[in-house]
Full PDB file with SEQRES, HELIX, SHEET, SSBOND, CRYST1, ORIGX, SCALE, CONECT and MASTER records, all heavy atoms in Angstrom:
SEQRES   1 A   40  PHE GLY LEU GLU ALA LEU ASP THR ILE GLU ASN LEU PRO          
SEQRES   2 A   40  PHE HIS TYR GLY LEU TYR GLU LEU ALA PHE MET ILE ASP          
SEQRES   3 A   40  LYS ASP THR LEU ALA TYR TYR ARG LEU ASP SER ILE SER          
SEQRES   4 A   40  VAL                                                          
SHEET    1 AA1 2 GLU A  20  ILE A  25  0                                        
SHEET    2 AA1 2 ASP A  28  ARG A  34 -1                                        
CRYST1    1.000    1.000    1.000  90.00  90.00  90.00 P 1           1          
ORIGX1      1.000000  0.000000  0.000000        0.00000                         
ORIGX2      0.000000  1.000000  0.000000        0.00000                         
ORIGX3      0.000000  0.000000  1.000000        0.00000                         
SCALE1      1.000000  0.000000  0.000000        0.00000                         
SCALE2      0.000000  1.000000  0.000000        0.00000                         
SCALE3      0.000000  0.000000  1.000000        0.00000                         
ATOM      1  N   PHE A   1       1.042  11.811   8.220  1.00  0.00           N  
ATOM      2  CA  PHE A   1       0.119  10.612   8.439  1.00  0.00           C  
ATOM      3  C   PHE A   1       0.897   9.313   8.286  1.00  0.00           C  
ATOM      4  O   PHE A   1       2.008   9.239   7.798  1.00  0.00           O  
ATOM      5  CB  PHE A   1      -1.039  10.738   7.527  1.00  0.00           C  
ATOM      6  CG  PHE A   1      -1.821  12.023   7.625  1.00  0.00           C  
ATOM      7  CD1 PHE A   1      -1.578  13.027   6.615  1.00  0.00           C  
ATOM      8  CD2 PHE A   1      -2.760  12.174   8.607  1.00  0.00           C  
ATOM      9  CE1 PHE A   1      -2.270  14.247   6.787  1.00  0.00           C  
ATOM     10  CE2 PHE A   1      -3.376  13.452   8.734  1.00  0.00           C  
ATOM     11  CZ  PHE A   1      -3.156  14.398   7.781  1.00  0.00           C  
ATOM     12  N   GLY A   2       0.197   8.294   8.762  1.00  0.00           N  
ATOM     13  CA  GLY A   2       0.816   6.940   8.616  1.00  0.00           C  
ATOM     14  C   GLY A   2      -0.350   5.931   8.618  1.00  0.00           C  
ATOM     15  O   GLY A   2      -1.410   6.171   9.236  1.00  0.00           O  
ATOM     16  N   LEU A   3      -0.096   4.799   7.969  1.00  0.00           N  
ATOM     17  CA  LEU A   3      -1.116   3.726   7.939  1.00  0.00           C  
ATOM     18  C   LEU A   3      -0.565   2.382   8.218  1.00  0.00           C  
ATOM     19  O   LEU A   3       0.519   2.024   7.636  1.00  0.00           O  
ATOM     20  CB  LEU A   3      -1.751   3.676   6.554  1.00  0.00           C  
ATOM     21  CG  LEU A   3      -2.826   2.647   6.315  1.00  0.00           C  
ATOM     22  CD1 LEU A   3      -4.175   2.981   7.053  1.00  0.00           C  
ATOM     23  CD2 LEU A   3      -3.216   2.482   4.865  1.00  0.00           C  
ATOM     24  N   GLU A   4      -1.169   1.594   9.077  1.00  0.00           N  
ATOM     25  CA  GLU A   4      -0.828   0.261   9.320  1.00  0.00           C  
ATOM     26  C   GLU A   4      -1.808  -0.604   8.510  1.00  0.00           C  
ATOM     27  O   GLU A   4      -2.990  -0.452   8.712  1.00  0.00           O  
ATOM     28  CB  GLU A   4      -0.855  -0.130  10.716  1.00  0.00           C  
ATOM     29  CG  GLU A   4      -0.575  -1.660  11.009  1.00  0.00           C  
ATOM     30  CD  GLU A   4      -0.991  -2.119  12.373  1.00  0.00           C  
ATOM     31  OE1 GLU A   4      -1.476  -1.316  13.182  1.00  0.00           O  
ATOM     32  OE2 GLU A   4      -0.752  -3.324  12.614  1.00  0.00           O  
ATOM     33  N   ALA A   5      -1.370  -1.346   7.493  1.00  0.00           N  
ATOM     34  CA  ALA A   5      -2.224  -2.143   6.671  1.00  0.00           C  
ATOM     35  C   ALA A   5      -1.558  -3.491   6.379  1.00  0.00           C  
ATOM     36  O   ALA A   5      -0.353  -3.577   6.221  1.00  0.00           O  
ATOM     37  CB  ALA A   5      -2.586  -1.333   5.387  1.00  0.00           C  
ATOM     38  N   LEU A   6      -2.444  -4.452   6.062  1.00  0.00           N  
ATOM     39  CA  LEU A   6      -1.964  -5.790   5.650  1.00  0.00           C  
ATOM     40  C   LEU A   6      -2.927  -6.265   4.484  1.00  0.00           C  
ATOM     41  O   LEU A   6      -4.113  -6.034   4.635  1.00  0.00           O  
ATOM     42  CB  LEU A   6      -1.969  -6.726   6.828  1.00  0.00           C  
ATOM     43  CG  LEU A   6      -1.087  -6.524   8.064  1.00  0.00           C  
ATOM     44  CD1 LEU A   6      -1.418  -7.415   9.219  1.00  0.00           C  
ATOM     45  CD2 LEU A   6       0.336  -6.655   7.609  1.00  0.00           C  
ATOM     46  N   ASP A   7      -2.377  -6.905   3.602  1.00  0.00           N  
ATOM     47  CA  ASP A   7      -3.168  -7.552   2.625  1.00  0.00           C  
ATOM     48  C   ASP A   7      -3.307  -9.132   3.007  1.00  0.00           C  
ATOM     49  O   ASP A   7      -2.512  -9.671   3.671  1.00  0.00           O  
ATOM     50  CB  ASP A   7      -2.486  -7.510   1.241  1.00  0.00           C  
ATOM     51  CG  ASP A   7      -3.393  -7.990   0.080  1.00  0.00           C  
ATOM     52  OD1 ASP A   7      -4.731  -7.733   0.312  1.00  0.00           O  
ATOM     53  OD2 ASP A   7      -3.038  -8.467  -0.932  1.00  0.00           O  
ATOM     54  N   THR A   8      -4.440  -9.606   2.493  1.00  0.00           N  
ATOM     55  CA  THR A   8      -4.759 -11.007   2.811  1.00  0.00           C  
ATOM     56  C   THR A   8      -5.235 -11.732   1.508  1.00  0.00           C  
ATOM     57  O   THR A   8      -5.701 -11.100   0.559  1.00  0.00           O  
ATOM     58  CB  THR A   8      -5.903 -11.203   3.830  1.00  0.00           C  
ATOM     59  OG1 THR A   8      -7.092 -10.465   3.431  1.00  0.00           O  
ATOM     60  CG2 THR A   8      -5.459 -10.647   5.166  1.00  0.00           C  
ATOM     61  N   ILE A   9      -5.092 -13.045   1.565  1.00  0.00           N  
ATOM     62  CA  ILE A   9      -5.641 -13.877   0.447  1.00  0.00           C  
ATOM     63  C   ILE A   9      -6.461 -14.928   1.073  1.00  0.00           C  
ATOM     64  O   ILE A   9      -6.173 -15.528   2.099  1.00  0.00           O  
ATOM     65  CB  ILE A   9      -4.510 -14.548  -0.373  1.00  0.00           C  
ATOM     66  CG1 ILE A   9      -3.729 -13.446  -1.068  1.00  0.00           C  
ATOM     67  CG2 ILE A   9      -5.053 -15.489  -1.391  1.00  0.00           C  
ATOM     68  CD1 ILE A   9      -2.561 -13.970  -1.870  1.00  0.00           C  
ATOM     69  N   GLU A  10      -7.675 -15.277   0.368  1.00  0.00           N  
ATOM     70  CA  GLU A  10      -8.646 -16.124   0.956  1.00  0.00           C  
ATOM     71  C   GLU A  10      -8.007 -17.540   1.240  1.00  0.00           C  
ATOM     72  O   GLU A  10      -7.291 -18.047   0.376  1.00  0.00           O  
ATOM     73  CB  GLU A  10      -9.766 -16.262  -0.042  1.00  0.00           C  
ATOM     74  CG  GLU A  10     -11.005 -17.004   0.487  1.00  0.00           C  
ATOM     75  CD  GLU A  10     -12.125 -16.963  -0.487  1.00  0.00           C  
ATOM     76  OE1 GLU A  10     -11.989 -16.528  -1.658  1.00  0.00           O  
ATOM     77  OE2 GLU A  10     -13.246 -17.304  -0.152  1.00  0.00           O  
ATOM     78  N   ASN A  11      -8.372 -17.998   2.435  1.00  0.00           N  
ATOM     79  CA  ASN A  11      -8.009 -19.361   2.835  1.00  0.00           C  
ATOM     80  C   ASN A  11      -6.502 -19.627   3.026  1.00  0.00           C  
ATOM     81  O   ASN A  11      -5.967 -20.728   3.211  1.00  0.00           O  
ATOM     82  CB  ASN A  11      -8.463 -20.456   1.860  1.00  0.00           C  
ATOM     83  CG  ASN A  11      -9.946 -20.473   1.729  1.00  0.00           C  
ATOM     84  OD1 ASN A  11     -10.677 -20.303   2.719  1.00  0.00           O  
ATOM     85  ND2 ASN A  11     -10.475 -20.683   0.527  1.00  0.00           N  
ATOM     86  N   LEU A  12      -5.751 -18.482   3.095  1.00  0.00           N  
ATOM     87  CA  LEU A  12      -4.296 -18.556   3.348  1.00  0.00           C  
ATOM     88  C   LEU A  12      -4.038 -17.778   4.638  1.00  0.00           C  
ATOM     89  O   LEU A  12      -4.460 -16.656   4.845  1.00  0.00           O  
ATOM     90  CB  LEU A  12      -3.411 -17.977   2.313  1.00  0.00           C  
ATOM     91  CG  LEU A  12      -3.499 -18.824   0.959  1.00  0.00           C  
ATOM     92  CD1 LEU A  12      -2.572 -18.184  -0.106  1.00  0.00           C  
ATOM     93  CD2 LEU A  12      -2.999 -20.286   1.113  1.00  0.00           C  
ATOM     94  N   PRO A  13      -3.222 -18.409   5.615  1.00  0.00           N  
ATOM     95  CA  PRO A  13      -2.961 -17.802   6.957  1.00  0.00           C  
ATOM     96  C   PRO A  13      -1.814 -16.796   6.883  1.00  0.00           C  
ATOM     97  O   PRO A  13      -0.965 -16.787   7.900  1.00  0.00           O  
ATOM     98  CB  PRO A  13      -2.678 -18.977   7.773  1.00  0.00           C  
ATOM     99  CG  PRO A  13      -1.972 -19.947   6.894  1.00  0.00           C  
ATOM    100  CD  PRO A  13      -2.605 -19.705   5.521  1.00  0.00           C  
ATOM    101  N   PHE A  14      -1.611 -16.010   5.841  1.00  0.00           N  
ATOM    102  CA  PHE A  14      -0.552 -15.109   5.743  1.00  0.00           C  
ATOM    103  C   PHE A  14      -0.944 -13.673   5.537  1.00  0.00           C  
ATOM    104  O   PHE A  14      -2.090 -13.386   5.153  1.00  0.00           O  
ATOM    105  CB  PHE A  14       0.403 -15.503   4.617  1.00  0.00           C  
ATOM    106  CG  PHE A  14       0.874 -16.939   4.660  1.00  0.00           C  
ATOM    107  CD1 PHE A  14       0.277 -17.912   3.888  1.00  0.00           C  
ATOM    108  CD2 PHE A  14       1.896 -17.371   5.465  1.00  0.00           C  
ATOM    109  CE1 PHE A  14       0.612 -19.226   3.976  1.00  0.00           C  
ATOM    110  CE2 PHE A  14       2.301 -18.673   5.535  1.00  0.00           C  
ATOM    111  CZ  PHE A  14       1.674 -19.629   4.829  1.00  0.00           C  
ATOM    112  N   HIS A  15      -0.037 -12.788   5.781  1.00  0.00           N  
ATOM    113  CA  HIS A  15      -0.283 -11.315   5.528  1.00  0.00           C  
ATOM    114  C   HIS A  15       0.824 -10.896   4.459  1.00  0.00           C  
ATOM    115  O   HIS A  15       1.817 -11.290   4.505  1.00  0.00           O  
ATOM    116  CB  HIS A  15      -0.074 -10.519   6.834  1.00  0.00           C  
ATOM    117  CG  HIS A  15      -1.236 -10.793   7.823  1.00  0.00           C  
ATOM    118  ND1 HIS A  15      -0.958 -10.856   9.154  1.00  0.00           N  
ATOM    119  CD2 HIS A  15      -2.509 -11.006   7.614  1.00  0.00           C  
ATOM    120  CE1 HIS A  15      -2.087 -11.014   9.755  1.00  0.00           C  
ATOM    121  NE2 HIS A  15      -3.048 -11.221   8.833  1.00  0.00           N  
ATOM    122  N   TYR A  16       0.339  -9.960   3.639  1.00  0.00           N  
ATOM    123  CA  TYR A  16       1.129  -9.506   2.541  1.00  0.00           C  
ATOM    124  C   TYR A  16       1.243  -8.017   2.523  1.00  0.00           C  
ATOM    125  O   TYR A  16       0.608  -7.319   3.233  1.00  0.00           O  
ATOM    126  CB  TYR A  16       0.599 -10.057   1.169  1.00  0.00           C  
ATOM    127  CG  TYR A  16       0.237 -11.497   1.182  1.00  0.00           C  
ATOM    128  CD1 TYR A  16      -1.130 -11.921   1.560  1.00  0.00           C  
ATOM    129  CD2 TYR A  16       1.090 -12.560   0.911  1.00  0.00           C  
ATOM    130  CE1 TYR A  16      -1.419 -13.261   1.599  1.00  0.00           C  
ATOM    131  CE2 TYR A  16       0.874 -13.884   1.029  1.00  0.00           C  
ATOM    132  CZ  TYR A  16      -0.399 -14.194   1.337  1.00  0.00           C  
ATOM    133  OH  TYR A  16      -0.768 -15.495   1.333  1.00  0.00           O  
ATOM    134  N   GLY A  17       2.148  -7.551   1.619  1.00  0.00           N  
ATOM    135  CA  GLY A  17       2.204  -6.046   1.465  1.00  0.00           C  
ATOM    136  C   GLY A  17       1.244  -5.436   0.483  1.00  0.00           C  
ATOM    137  O   GLY A  17       0.666  -6.156  -0.373  1.00  0.00           O  
ATOM    138  N   LEU A  18       1.092  -4.133   0.536  1.00  0.00           N  
ATOM    139  CA  LEU A  18       0.233  -3.456  -0.450  1.00  0.00           C  
ATOM    140  C   LEU A  18       0.955  -3.249  -1.798  1.00  0.00           C  
ATOM    141  O   LEU A  18       2.272  -3.308  -1.784  1.00  0.00           O  
ATOM    142  CB  LEU A  18      -0.156  -2.002   0.081  1.00  0.00           C  
ATOM    143  CG  LEU A  18      -0.898  -2.000   1.398  1.00  0.00           C  
ATOM    144  CD1 LEU A  18      -1.121  -0.553   1.766  1.00  0.00           C  
ATOM    145  CD2 LEU A  18      -2.228  -2.672   1.267  1.00  0.00           C  
ATOM    146  N   TYR A  19       0.278  -3.142  -2.860  1.00  0.00           N  
ATOM    147  CA  TYR A  19       0.859  -2.842  -4.174  1.00  0.00           C  
ATOM    148  C   TYR A  19       0.788  -1.351  -4.429  1.00  0.00           C  
ATOM    149  O   TYR A  19       1.699  -0.822  -4.909  1.00  0.00           O  
ATOM    150  CB  TYR A  19       0.054  -3.659  -5.293  1.00  0.00           C  
ATOM    151  CG  TYR A  19       0.457  -3.246  -6.636  1.00  0.00           C  
ATOM    152  CD1 TYR A  19       1.838  -3.443  -7.021  1.00  0.00           C  
ATOM    153  CD2 TYR A  19      -0.457  -2.776  -7.579  1.00  0.00           C  
ATOM    154  CE1 TYR A  19       2.257  -3.155  -8.357  1.00  0.00           C  
ATOM    155  CE2 TYR A  19      -0.078  -2.522  -8.793  1.00  0.00           C  
ATOM    156  CZ  TYR A  19       1.164  -2.721  -9.295  1.00  0.00           C  
ATOM    157  OH  TYR A  19       1.620  -2.407 -10.595  1.00  0.00           O  
ATOM    158  N   GLU A  20      -0.307  -0.754  -3.957  1.00  0.00           N  
ATOM    159  CA  GLU A  20      -0.512   0.669  -4.178  1.00  0.00           C  
ATOM    160  C   GLU A  20      -0.969   1.313  -2.899  1.00  0.00           C  
ATOM    161  O   GLU A  20      -1.833   0.742  -2.199  1.00  0.00           O  
ATOM    162  CB  GLU A  20      -1.410   1.035  -5.310  1.00  0.00           C  
ATOM    163  CG  GLU A  20      -0.968   0.629  -6.686  1.00  0.00           C  
ATOM    164  CD  GLU A  20      -1.834   1.026  -7.758  1.00  0.00           C  
ATOM    165  OE1 GLU A  20      -2.825   0.191  -8.019  1.00  0.00           O  
ATOM    166  OE2 GLU A  20      -1.858   2.109  -8.359  1.00  0.00           O  
ATOM    167  N   LEU A  21      -0.475   2.518  -2.613  1.00  0.00           N  
ATOM    168  CA  LEU A  21      -0.901   3.273  -1.496  1.00  0.00           C  
ATOM    169  C   LEU A  21      -1.023   4.778  -1.735  1.00  0.00           C  
ATOM    170  O   LEU A  21      -0.043   5.264  -2.357  1.00  0.00           O  
ATOM    171  CB  LEU A  21      -0.061   3.000  -0.271  1.00  0.00           C  
ATOM    172  CG  LEU A  21      -0.232   3.763   0.994  1.00  0.00           C  
ATOM    173  CD1 LEU A  21      -1.588   3.418   1.648  1.00  0.00           C  
ATOM    174  CD2 LEU A  21       0.832   3.495   2.012  1.00  0.00           C  
ATOM    175  N   ALA A  22      -2.090   5.448  -1.343  1.00  0.00           N  
ATOM    176  CA  ALA A  22      -2.210   6.828  -1.630  1.00  0.00           C  
ATOM    177  C   ALA A  22      -2.739   7.594  -0.391  1.00  0.00           C  
ATOM    178  O   ALA A  22      -3.771   7.063   0.281  1.00  0.00           O  
ATOM    179  CB  ALA A  22      -3.159   7.096  -2.802  1.00  0.00           C  
ATOM    180  N   PHE A  23      -2.148   8.609  -0.041  1.00  0.00           N  
ATOM    181  CA  PHE A  23      -2.614   9.649   0.966  1.00  0.00           C  
ATOM    182  C   PHE A  23      -3.047  10.906   0.242  1.00  0.00           C  
ATOM    183  O   PHE A  23      -2.279  11.470  -0.510  1.00  0.00           O  
ATOM    184  CB  PHE A  23      -1.531   9.996   1.969  1.00  0.00           C  
ATOM    185  CG  PHE A  23      -1.036   8.864   2.813  1.00  0.00           C  
ATOM    186  CD1 PHE A  23      -0.105   8.027   2.384  1.00  0.00           C  
ATOM    187  CD2 PHE A  23      -1.574   8.627   4.108  1.00  0.00           C  
ATOM    188  CE1 PHE A  23       0.342   6.973   3.202  1.00  0.00           C  
ATOM    189  CE2 PHE A  23      -1.097   7.600   4.957  1.00  0.00           C  
ATOM    190  CZ  PHE A  23      -0.136   6.775   4.466  1.00  0.00           C  
ATOM    191  N   MET A  24      -4.308  11.336   0.496  1.00  0.00           N  
ATOM    192  CA  MET A  24      -4.803  12.529  -0.229  1.00  0.00           C  
ATOM    193  C   MET A  24      -5.476  13.439   0.765  1.00  0.00           C  
ATOM    194  O   MET A  24      -6.114  13.020   1.720  1.00  0.00           O  
ATOM    195  CB  MET A  24      -5.871  12.070  -1.313  1.00  0.00           C  
ATOM    196  CG  MET A  24      -5.343  10.998  -2.384  1.00  0.00           C  
ATOM    197  SD  MET A  24      -6.566  10.735  -3.585  1.00  0.00           S  
ATOM    198  CE  MET A  24      -6.791  12.265  -4.400  1.00  0.00           C  
ATOM    199  N   ILE A  25      -5.334  14.660   0.403  1.00  0.00           N  
ATOM    200  CA  ILE A  25      -6.078  15.793   1.146  1.00  0.00           C  
ATOM    201  C   ILE A  25      -6.953  16.468   0.031  1.00  0.00           C  
ATOM    202  O   ILE A  25      -6.471  17.126  -0.922  1.00  0.00           O  
ATOM    203  CB  ILE A  25      -5.228  16.837   1.771  1.00  0.00           C  
ATOM    204  CG1 ILE A  25      -4.354  16.134   2.810  1.00  0.00           C  
ATOM    205  CG2 ILE A  25      -6.013  17.999   2.290  1.00  0.00           C  
ATOM    206  CD1 ILE A  25      -5.113  15.700   4.039  1.00  0.00           C  
ATOM    207  N   ASP A  26      -8.250  16.310   0.225  1.00  0.00           N  
ATOM    208  CA  ASP A  26      -9.196  16.788  -0.848  1.00  0.00           C  
ATOM    209  C   ASP A  26      -8.791  16.211  -2.234  1.00  0.00           C  
ATOM    210  O   ASP A  26      -8.687  14.980  -2.358  1.00  0.00           O  
ATOM    211  CB  ASP A  26      -9.287  18.371  -0.881  1.00  0.00           C  
ATOM    212  CG  ASP A  26      -9.834  18.934   0.398  1.00  0.00           C  
ATOM    213  OD1 ASP A  26     -10.637  18.168   1.040  1.00  0.00           O  
ATOM    214  OD2 ASP A  26      -9.593  20.057   0.659  1.00  0.00           O  
ATOM    215  N   LYS A  27      -8.439  17.057  -3.202  1.00  0.00           N  
ATOM    216  CA  LYS A  27      -8.042  16.466  -4.499  1.00  0.00           C  
ATOM    217  C   LYS A  27      -6.526  16.444  -4.637  1.00  0.00           C  
ATOM    218  O   LYS A  27      -6.068  15.994  -5.733  1.00  0.00           O  
ATOM    219  CB  LYS A  27      -8.652  17.379  -5.564  1.00  0.00           C  
ATOM    220  CG  LYS A  27     -10.186  17.350  -5.659  1.00  0.00           C  
ATOM    221  CD  LYS A  27     -10.690  18.116  -6.747  1.00  0.00           C  
ATOM    222  CE  LYS A  27     -12.232  18.166  -6.859  1.00  0.00           C  
ATOM    223  NZ  LYS A  27     -12.710  18.987  -7.983  1.00  0.00           N  
ATOM    224  N   ASP A  28      -5.788  16.813  -3.657  1.00  0.00           N  
ATOM    225  CA  ASP A  28      -4.370  16.757  -3.720  1.00  0.00           C  
ATOM    226  C   ASP A  28      -3.762  15.470  -3.175  1.00  0.00           C  
ATOM    227  O   ASP A  28      -4.188  14.976  -2.103  1.00  0.00           O  
ATOM    228  CB  ASP A  28      -3.702  17.938  -2.888  1.00  0.00           C  
ATOM    229  CG  ASP A  28      -3.948  19.222  -3.594  1.00  0.00           C  
ATOM    230  OD1 ASP A  28      -4.123  19.302  -4.815  1.00  0.00           O  
ATOM    231  OD2 ASP A  28      -4.051  20.271  -2.798  1.00  0.00           O  
ATOM    232  N   THR A  29      -2.845  14.920  -3.963  1.00  0.00           N  
ATOM    233  CA  THR A  29      -2.213  13.676  -3.491  1.00  0.00           C  
ATOM    234  C   THR A  29      -0.940  14.044  -2.758  1.00  0.00           C  
ATOM    235  O   THR A  29       0.012  14.584  -3.297  1.00  0.00           O  
ATOM    236  CB  THR A  29      -1.831  12.724  -4.684  1.00  0.00           C  
ATOM    237  OG1 THR A  29      -3.051  12.432  -5.401  1.00  0.00           O  
ATOM    238  CG2 THR A  29      -1.166  11.473  -4.197  1.00  0.00           C  
ATOM    239  N   LEU A  30      -0.960  13.686  -1.499  1.00  0.00           N  
ATOM    240  CA  LEU A  30       0.322  13.898  -0.637  1.00  0.00           C  
ATOM    241  C   LEU A  30       1.406  12.968  -0.997  1.00  0.00           C  
ATOM    242  O   LEU A  30       2.582  13.343  -1.067  1.00  0.00           O  
ATOM    243  CB  LEU A  30      -0.025  13.877   0.853  1.00  0.00           C  
ATOM    244  CG  LEU A  30      -0.931  14.959   1.422  1.00  0.00           C  
ATOM    245  CD1 LEU A  30      -1.075  14.641   2.954  1.00  0.00           C  
ATOM    246  CD2 LEU A  30      -0.445  16.312   1.164  1.00  0.00           C  
ATOM    247  N   ALA A  31       1.002  11.669  -1.009  1.00  0.00           N  
ATOM    248  CA  ALA A  31       1.998  10.605  -1.373  1.00  0.00           C  
ATOM    249  C   ALA A  31       1.340   9.423  -2.000  1.00  0.00           C  
ATOM    250  O   ALA A  31       0.197   9.124  -1.624  1.00  0.00           O  
ATOM    251  CB  ALA A  31       2.621  10.186  -0.009  1.00  0.00           C  
ATOM    252  N   TYR A  32       2.047   8.905  -2.942  1.00  0.00           N  
ATOM    253  CA  TYR A  32       1.514   7.680  -3.665  1.00  0.00           C  
ATOM    254  C   TYR A  32       2.643   6.835  -4.152  1.00  0.00           C  
ATOM    255  O   TYR A  32       3.631   7.279  -4.636  1.00  0.00           O  
ATOM    256  CB  TYR A  32       0.728   8.201  -4.936  1.00  0.00           C  
ATOM    257  CG  TYR A  32       0.360   7.104  -5.946  1.00  0.00           C  
ATOM    258  CD1 TYR A  32      -0.615   6.055  -5.610  1.00  0.00           C  
ATOM    259  CD2 TYR A  32       1.077   6.876  -7.074  1.00  0.00           C  
ATOM    260  CE1 TYR A  32      -0.880   5.115  -6.446  1.00  0.00           C  
ATOM    261  CE2 TYR A  32       0.820   5.851  -7.956  1.00  0.00           C  
ATOM    262  CZ  TYR A  32      -0.219   5.018  -7.655  1.00  0.00           C  
ATOM    263  OH  TYR A  32      -0.451   3.995  -8.488  1.00  0.00           O  
ATOM    264  N   TYR A  33       2.513   5.479  -3.980  1.00  0.00           N  
ATOM    265  CA  TYR A  33       3.477   4.591  -4.568  1.00  0.00           C  
ATOM    266  C   TYR A  33       2.724   3.399  -5.245  1.00  0.00           C  
ATOM    267  O   TYR A  33       1.542   3.193  -4.887  1.00  0.00           O  
ATOM    268  CB  TYR A  33       4.439   3.989  -3.517  1.00  0.00           C  
ATOM    269  CG  TYR A  33       3.939   3.026  -2.496  1.00  0.00           C  
ATOM    270  CD1 TYR A  33       3.233   1.852  -2.821  1.00  0.00           C  
ATOM    271  CD2 TYR A  33       4.117   3.308  -1.141  1.00  0.00           C  
ATOM    272  CE1 TYR A  33       2.861   0.950  -1.888  1.00  0.00           C  
ATOM    273  CE2 TYR A  33       3.681   2.329  -0.134  1.00  0.00           C  
ATOM    274  CZ  TYR A  33       3.099   1.214  -0.547  1.00  0.00           C  
ATOM    275  OH  TYR A  33       2.654   0.293   0.429  1.00  0.00           O  
ATOM    276  N   ARG A  34       3.412   2.855  -6.136  1.00  0.00           N  
ATOM    277  CA  ARG A  34       2.949   1.635  -6.861  1.00  0.00           C  
ATOM    278  C   ARG A  34       4.216   0.835  -6.978  1.00  0.00           C  
ATOM    279  O   ARG A  34       5.161   1.211  -7.672  1.00  0.00           O  
ATOM    280  CB  ARG A  34       2.434   1.970  -8.188  1.00  0.00           C  
ATOM    281  CG  ARG A  34       2.127   0.789  -9.114  1.00  0.00           C  
ATOM    282  CD  ARG A  34       1.317   1.231 -10.369  1.00  0.00           C  
ATOM    283  NE  ARG A  34       1.501   0.247 -11.416  1.00  0.00           N  
ATOM    284  CZ  ARG A  34       0.826   0.316 -12.489  1.00  0.00           C  
ATOM    285  NH1 ARG A  34      -0.149   1.268 -12.674  1.00  0.00           N  
ATOM    286  NH2 ARG A  34       0.951  -0.617 -13.460  1.00  0.00           N  
ATOM    287  N   LEU A  35       4.248  -0.384  -6.407  1.00  0.00           N  
ATOM    288  CA  LEU A  35       5.415  -1.100  -6.240  1.00  0.00           C  
ATOM    289  C   LEU A  35       5.668  -2.047  -7.385  1.00  0.00           C  
ATOM    290  O   LEU A  35       5.463  -3.311  -7.270  1.00  0.00           O  
ATOM    291  CB  LEU A  35       5.501  -1.870  -4.905  1.00  0.00           C  
ATOM    292  CG  LEU A  35       5.517  -0.858  -3.651  1.00  0.00           C  
ATOM    293  CD1 LEU A  35       5.346  -1.748  -2.306  1.00  0.00           C  
ATOM    294  CD2 LEU A  35       6.760  -0.137  -3.581  1.00  0.00           C  
ATOM    295  N   ASP A  36       6.131  -1.557  -8.490  1.00  0.00           N  
ATOM    296  CA  ASP A  36       6.433  -2.419  -9.653  1.00  0.00           C  
ATOM    297  C   ASP A  36       7.896  -2.836  -9.581  1.00  0.00           C  
ATOM    298  O   ASP A  36       8.264  -3.937 -10.064  1.00  0.00           O  
ATOM    299  CB  ASP A  36       6.298  -1.704 -11.046  1.00  0.00           C  
ATOM    300  CG  ASP A  36       4.795  -1.463 -11.303  1.00  0.00           C  
ATOM    301  OD1 ASP A  36       4.001  -2.289 -10.864  1.00  0.00           O  
ATOM    302  OD2 ASP A  36       4.459  -0.521 -11.925  1.00  0.00           O  
ATOM    303  N   SER A  37       8.774  -2.039  -8.983  1.00  0.00           N  
ATOM    304  CA  SER A  37      10.193  -2.313  -8.820  1.00  0.00           C  
ATOM    305  C   SER A  37      10.809  -1.588  -7.671  1.00  0.00           C  
ATOM    306  O   SER A  37      10.187  -0.582  -7.230  1.00  0.00           O  
ATOM    307  CB  SER A  37      10.915  -1.995 -10.111  1.00  0.00           C  
ATOM    308  OG  SER A  37      10.911  -0.662 -10.407  1.00  0.00           O  
ATOM    309  N   ILE A  38      11.933  -1.995  -7.231  1.00  0.00           N  
ATOM    310  CA  ILE A  38      12.685  -1.330  -6.224  1.00  0.00           C  
ATOM    311  C   ILE A  38      14.172  -1.718  -6.455  1.00  0.00           C  
ATOM    312  O   ILE A  38      14.549  -2.816  -6.781  1.00  0.00           O  
ATOM    313  CB  ILE A  38      12.232  -1.778  -4.809  1.00  0.00           C  
ATOM    314  CG1 ILE A  38      12.914  -0.823  -3.752  1.00  0.00           C  
ATOM    315  CG2 ILE A  38      12.402  -3.197  -4.571  1.00  0.00           C  
ATOM    316  CD1 ILE A  38      12.376  -1.081  -2.268  1.00  0.00           C  
ATOM    317  N   SER A  39      15.022  -0.693  -6.354  1.00  0.00           N  
ATOM    318  CA  SER A  39      16.447  -1.063  -6.523  1.00  0.00           C  
ATOM    319  C   SER A  39      17.004  -1.848  -5.402  1.00  0.00           C  
ATOM    320  O   SER A  39      16.573  -1.895  -4.248  1.00  0.00           O  
ATOM    321  CB  SER A  39      17.294   0.266  -6.623  1.00  0.00           C  
ATOM    322  OG  SER A  39      17.338   0.904  -5.364  1.00  0.00           O  
ATOM    323  N   VAL A  40      17.999  -2.731  -5.721  1.00  0.00           N  
ATOM    324  CA  VAL A  40      18.595  -3.663  -4.724  1.00  0.00           C  
ATOM    325  C   VAL A  40      19.135  -2.835  -3.645  1.00  0.00           C  
ATOM    326  O   VAL A  40      19.080  -3.232  -2.443  1.00  0.00           O  
ATOM    327  CB  VAL A  40      19.618  -4.512  -5.461  1.00  0.00           C  
ATOM    328  CG1 VAL A  40      20.370  -5.418  -4.346  1.00  0.00           C  
ATOM    329  CG2 VAL A  40      18.937  -5.472  -6.411  1.00  0.00           C  
TER     330      VAL A  40                                                      
MASTER        0    0    0    0    2    0    0    6  329    1    0    4          
END                                                                             
């Protein structure tokens, strides 16, 4: 699966990235991230 998504902030004309994203089938999590850090 794949998702196109954008975050927004009120009164600002920009788009941002997600902080958390989860794909689930029933109670199973296929994929999940939380972007606290990323290696250079």
